[in-house]
Amino acid sequence: MVVETPAAEPPIRETNRREIIVGPVTIRLEEGASAARVVAAARALATSA
């Protein structure tokens, strides 16, 4: 029998950051990004594909 204590998990930090994930690409926007900024990032990603 092997008994181990669980590894400490890093604390979860609540933020207002938006992420757009498409395949292996992740775009992380600044905290509090406006809807227009999110749309601009999504459009840029869509045109590059």
PDB file of N, CA and C in Angstrom:
ATOM      1  N   MET A   1       0.845  -1.161   0.000  1.00  0.00           N
ATOM      2  CA  MET A   1       0.000   0.000   0.000  1.00  0.00           C
ATOM      3  C   MET A   1       0.898   1.233   0.000  1.00  0.00           C
ATOM      4  N   VAL A   2       0.496   2.226  -0.793  1.00  0.00           N
ATOM      5  CA  VAL A   2       1.211   3.499  -0.837  1.00  0.00           C
ATOM      6  C   VAL A   2       0.234   4.583  -0.436  1.00  0.00           C
ATOM      7  N   VAL A   3       0.628   5.356   0.542  1.00  0.00           N
ATOM      8  CA  VAL A   3      -0.222   6.449   1.006  1.00  0.00           C
ATOM      9  C   VAL A   3       0.507   7.758   0.747  1.00  0.00           C
ATOM     10  N   GLU A   4      -0.145   8.659   0.032  1.00  0.00           N
ATOM     11  CA  GLU A   4       0.449   9.953  -0.252  1.00  0.00           C
ATOM     12  C   GLU A   4      -0.543  11.052   0.109  1.00  0.00           C
ATOM     13  N   THR A   5       0.002  12.151   0.500  1.00  0.00           N
ATOM     14  CA  THR A   5      -0.872  13.304   0.722  1.00  0.00           C
ATOM     15  C   THR A   5      -1.058  14.000  -0.618  1.00  0.00           C
ATOM     16  N   PRO A   6      -2.232  14.528  -0.876  1.00  0.00           N
ATOM     17  CA  PRO A   6      -2.463  15.188  -2.155  1.00  0.00           C
ATOM     18  C   PRO A   6      -1.577  16.428  -2.299  1.00  0.00           C
ATOM     19  N   ALA A   7      -1.126  16.665  -3.523  1.00  0.00           N
ATOM     20  CA  ALA A   7      -0.306  17.851  -3.792  1.00  0.00           C
ATOM     21  C   ALA A   7      -1.157  19.099  -3.606  1.00  0.00           C
ATOM     22  N   ALA A   8      -0.533  20.108  -3.074  1.00  0.00           N
ATOM     23  CA  ALA A   8      -1.247  21.369  -2.876  1.00  0.00           C
ATOM     24  C   ALA A   8      -1.542  21.989  -4.234  1.00  0.00           C
ATOM     25  N   GLU A   9      -2.787  22.363  -4.439  1.00  0.00           N
ATOM     26  CA  GLU A   9      -3.171  23.001  -5.689  1.00  0.00           C
ATOM     27  C   GLU A   9      -3.028  24.509  -5.538  1.00  0.00           C
ATOM     28  N   PRO A  10      -2.611  25.169  -6.605  1.00  0.00           N
ATOM     29  CA  PRO A  10      -2.504  26.623  -6.516  1.00  0.00           C
ATOM     30  C   PRO A  10      -3.889  27.230  -6.306  1.00  0.00           C
ATOM     31  N   PRO A  11      -3.959  28.326  -5.582  1.00  0.00           N
ATOM     32  CA  PRO A  11      -5.268  28.932  -5.339  1.00  0.00           C
ATOM     33  C   PRO A  11      -5.888  29.418  -6.651  1.00  0.00           C
ATOM     34  N   ILE A  12      -7.184  29.273  -6.738  1.00  0.00           N
ATOM     35  CA  ILE A  12      -7.903  29.746  -7.922  1.00  0.00           C
ATOM     36  C   ILE A  12      -8.153  31.235  -7.763  1.00  0.00           C
ATOM     37  N   ARG A  13      -7.685  31.984  -8.736  1.00  0.00           N
ATOM     38  CA  ARG A  13      -7.837  33.434  -8.680  1.00  0.00           C
ATOM     39  C   ARG A  13      -8.955  33.841  -9.622  1.00  0.00           C
ATOM     40  N   GLU A  14      -9.995  34.412  -9.063  1.00  0.00           N
ATOM     41  CA  GLU A  14     -11.113  34.867  -9.871  1.00  0.00           C
ATOM     42  C   GLU A  14     -10.714  36.153 -10.581  1.00  0.00           C
ATOM     43  N   THR A  15     -10.853  36.159 -11.888  1.00  0.00           N
ATOM     44  CA  THR A  15     -10.556  37.357 -12.662  1.00  0.00           C
ATOM     45  C   THR A  15     -11.656  37.571 -13.684  1.00  0.00           C
ATOM     46  N   ASN A  16     -11.588  38.695 -14.299  1.00  0.00           N
ATOM     47  CA  ASN A  16     -12.540  39.043 -15.337  1.00  0.00           C
ATOM     48  C   ASN A  16     -11.864  38.985 -16.700  1.00  0.00           C
ATOM     49  N   ARG A  17     -10.844  38.138 -16.829  1.00  0.00           N
ATOM     50  CA  ARG A  17     -10.114  38.007 -18.090  1.00  0.00           C
ATOM     51  C   ARG A  17     -10.866  37.089 -19.031  1.00  0.00           C
ATOM     52  N   ARG A  18     -10.887  37.475 -20.281  1.00  0.00           N
ATOM     53  CA  ARG A  18     -11.517  36.664 -21.313  1.00  0.00           C
ATOM     54  C   ARG A  18     -10.448  35.905 -22.064  1.00  0.00           C
ATOM     55  N   GLU A  19     -10.775  34.698 -22.466  1.00  0.00           N
ATOM     56  CA  GLU A  19      -9.871  33.888 -23.268  1.00  0.00           C
ATOM     57  C   GLU A  19     -10.626  33.389 -24.488  1.00  0.00           C
ATOM     58  N   ILE A  20      -9.950  33.406 -25.626  1.00  0.00           N
ATOM     59  CA  ILE A  20     -10.488  32.827 -26.848  1.00  0.00           C
ATOM     60  C   ILE A  20      -9.548  31.678 -27.192  1.00  0.00           C
ATOM     61  N   ILE A  21     -10.098  30.472 -27.242  1.00  0.00           N
ATOM     62  CA  ILE A  21      -9.279  29.290 -27.497  1.00  0.00           C
ATOM     63  C   ILE A  21      -9.774  28.625 -28.776  1.00  0.00           C
ATOM     64  N   VAL A  22      -8.867  28.488 -29.737  1.00  0.00           N
ATOM     65  CA  VAL A  22      -9.167  27.801 -30.989  1.00  0.00           C
ATOM     66  C   VAL A  22      -8.007  26.851 -31.251  1.00  0.00           C
ATOM     67  N   GLY A  23      -8.268  25.559 -31.121  1.00  0.00           N
ATOM     68  CA  GLY A  23      -7.200  24.576 -31.301  1.00  0.00           C
ATOM     69  C   GLY A  23      -6.066  24.845 -30.325  1.00  0.00           C
ATOM     70  N   PRO A  24      -4.835  24.907 -30.825  1.00  0.00           N
ATOM     71  CA  PRO A  24      -3.684  25.121 -29.944  1.00  0.00           C
ATOM     72  C   PRO A  24      -3.430  26.592 -29.607  1.00  0.00           C
ATOM     73  N   VAL A  25      -4.269  27.483 -30.129  1.00  0.00           N
ATOM     74  CA  VAL A  25      -4.054  28.925 -29.926  1.00  0.00           C
ATOM     75  C   VAL A  25      -4.963  29.445 -28.821  1.00  0.00           C
ATOM     76  N   THR A  26      -4.366  30.168 -27.877  1.00  0.00           N
ATOM     77  CA  THR A  26      -5.130  30.818 -26.813  1.00  0.00           C
ATOM     78  C   THR A  26      -4.805  32.297 -26.814  1.00  0.00           C
ATOM     79  N   ILE A  27      -5.831  33.119 -26.919  1.00  0.00           N
ATOM     80  CA  ILE A  27      -5.664  34.568 -26.816  1.00  0.00           C
ATOM     81  C   ILE A  27      -6.231  34.980 -25.467  1.00  0.00           C
ATOM     82  N   ARG A  28      -5.394  35.569 -24.639  1.00  0.00           N
ATOM     83  CA  ARG A  28      -5.834  36.050 -23.328  1.00  0.00           C
ATOM     84  C   ARG A  28      -5.913  37.574 -23.376  1.00  0.00           C
ATOM     85  N   LEU A  29      -7.100  38.071 -23.173  1.00  0.00           N
ATOM     86  CA  LEU A  29      -7.316  39.514 -23.203  1.00  0.00           C
ATOM     87  C   LEU A  29      -7.125  40.094 -21.813  1.00  0.00           C
ATOM     88  N   GLU A  30      -6.861  41.382 -21.780  1.00  0.00           N
ATOM     89  CA  GLU A  30      -6.648  42.045 -20.504  1.00  0.00           C
ATOM     90  C   GLU A  30      -7.929  42.026 -19.669  1.00  0.00           C
ATOM     91  N   GLU A  31      -7.764  42.158 -18.377  1.00  0.00           N
ATOM     92  CA  GLU A  31      -8.893  42.168 -17.472  1.00  0.00           C
ATOM     93  C   GLU A  31      -9.821  43.317 -17.814  1.00  0.00           C
ATOM     94  N   GLY A  32     -11.110  43.044 -17.882  1.00  0.00           N
ATOM     95  CA  GLY A  32     -12.086  44.074 -18.159  1.00  0.00           C
ATOM     96  C   GLY A  32     -12.142  44.499 -19.618  1.00  0.00           C
ATOM     97  N   ALA A  33     -11.657  43.649 -20.524  1.00  0.00           N
ATOM     98  CA  ALA A  33     -11.669  43.985 -21.951  1.00  0.00           C
ATOM     99  C   ALA A  33     -13.102  44.234 -22.412  1.00  0.00           C
ATOM    100  N   SER A  34     -13.257  45.247 -23.252  1.00  0.00           N
ATOM    101  CA  SER A  34     -14.587  45.595 -23.750  1.00  0.00           C
ATOM    102  C   SER A  34     -15.057  44.559 -24.764  1.00  0.00           C
ATOM    103  N   ALA A  35     -16.350  44.588 -25.037  1.00  0.00           N
ATOM    104  CA  ALA A  35     -16.910  43.679 -26.035  1.00  0.00           C
ATOM    105  C   ALA A  35     -16.272  43.943 -27.398  1.00  0.00           C
ATOM    106  N   ALA A  36     -16.011  45.197 -27.708  1.00  0.00           N
ATOM    107  CA  ALA A  36     -15.392  45.543 -28.987  1.00  0.00           C
ATOM    108  C   ALA A  36     -13.994  44.927 -29.091  1.00  0.00           C
ATOM    109  N   ARG A  37     -13.260  44.901 -28.000  1.00  0.00           N
ATOM    110  CA  ARG A  37     -11.909  44.320 -27.995  1.00  0.00           C
ATOM    111  C   ARG A  37     -11.980  42.811 -28.208  1.00  0.00           C
ATOM    112  N   VAL A  38     -12.958  42.154 -27.576  1.00  0.00           N
ATOM    113  CA  VAL A  38     -13.135  40.710 -27.740  1.00  0.00           C
ATOM    114  C   VAL A  38     -13.477  40.391 -29.196  1.00  0.00           C
ATOM    115  N   VAL A  39     -14.387  41.170 -29.782  1.00  0.00           N
ATOM    116  CA  VAL A  39     -14.781  40.964 -31.173  1.00  0.00           C
ATOM    117  C   VAL A  39     -13.581  41.172 -32.095  1.00  0.00           C
ATOM    118  N   ALA A  40     -12.796  42.210 -31.861  1.00  0.00           N
ATOM    119  CA  ALA A  40     -11.622  42.479 -32.704  1.00  0.00           C
ATOM    120  C   ALA A  40     -10.637  41.317 -32.649  1.00  0.00           C
ATOM    121  N   ALA A  41     -10.410  40.760 -31.481  1.00  0.00           N
ATOM    122  CA  ALA A  41      -9.491  39.633 -31.351  1.00  0.00           C
ATOM    123  C   ALA A  41     -10.047  38.401 -32.056  1.00  0.00           C
ATOM    124  N   ALA A  42     -11.338  38.154 -31.911  1.00  0.00           N
ATOM    125  CA  ALA A  42     -11.962  36.997 -32.557  1.00  0.00           C
ATOM    126  C   ALA A  42     -11.911  37.126 -34.079  1.00  0.00           C
ATOM    127  N   ARG A  43     -12.166  38.335 -34.576  1.00  0.00           N
ATOM    128  CA  ARG A  43     -12.102  38.550 -36.027  1.00  0.00           C
ATOM    129  C   ARG A  43     -10.678  38.377 -36.548  1.00  0.00           C
ATOM    130  N   ALA A  44      -9.712  38.875 -35.816  1.00  0.00           N
ATOM    131  CA  ALA A  44      -8.315  38.726 -36.233  1.00  0.00           C
ATOM    132  C   ALA A  44      -7.925  37.249 -36.289  1.00  0.00           C
ATOM    133  N   LEU A  45      -8.363  36.487 -35.312  1.00  0.00           N
ATOM    134  CA  LEU A  45      -8.074  35.059 -35.287  1.00  0.00           C
ATOM    135  C   LEU A  45      -8.771  34.352 -36.447  1.00  0.00           C
ATOM    136  N   ALA A  46     -10.005  34.723 -36.735  1.00  0.00           N
ATOM    137  CA  ALA A  46     -10.767  34.085 -37.806  1.00  0.00           C
ATOM    138  C   ALA A  46     -10.153  34.363 -39.178  1.00  0.00           C
ATOM    139  N   THR A  47      -9.626  35.557 -39.382  1.00  0.00           N
ATOM    140  CA  THR A  47      -9.042  35.875 -40.683  1.00  0.00           C
ATOM    141  C   THR A  47      -7.667  35.241 -40.876  1.00  0.00           C
ATOM    142  N   SER A  48      -7.020  34.852 -39.782  1.00  0.00           N
ATOM    143  CA  SER A  48      -5.695  34.254 -39.900  1.00  0.00           C
ATOM    144  C   SER A  48      -5.761  32.750 -40.160  1.00  0.00           C
ATOM    145  N   ALA A  49      -6.934  32.179 -39.999  1.00  0.00           N
ATOM    146  CA  ALA A  49      -7.075  30.718 -40.162  1.00  0.00           C
ATOM    147  C   ALA A  49      -7.216  30.312 -41.600  1.00  0.00           C
TER     148      ALA A  49
END
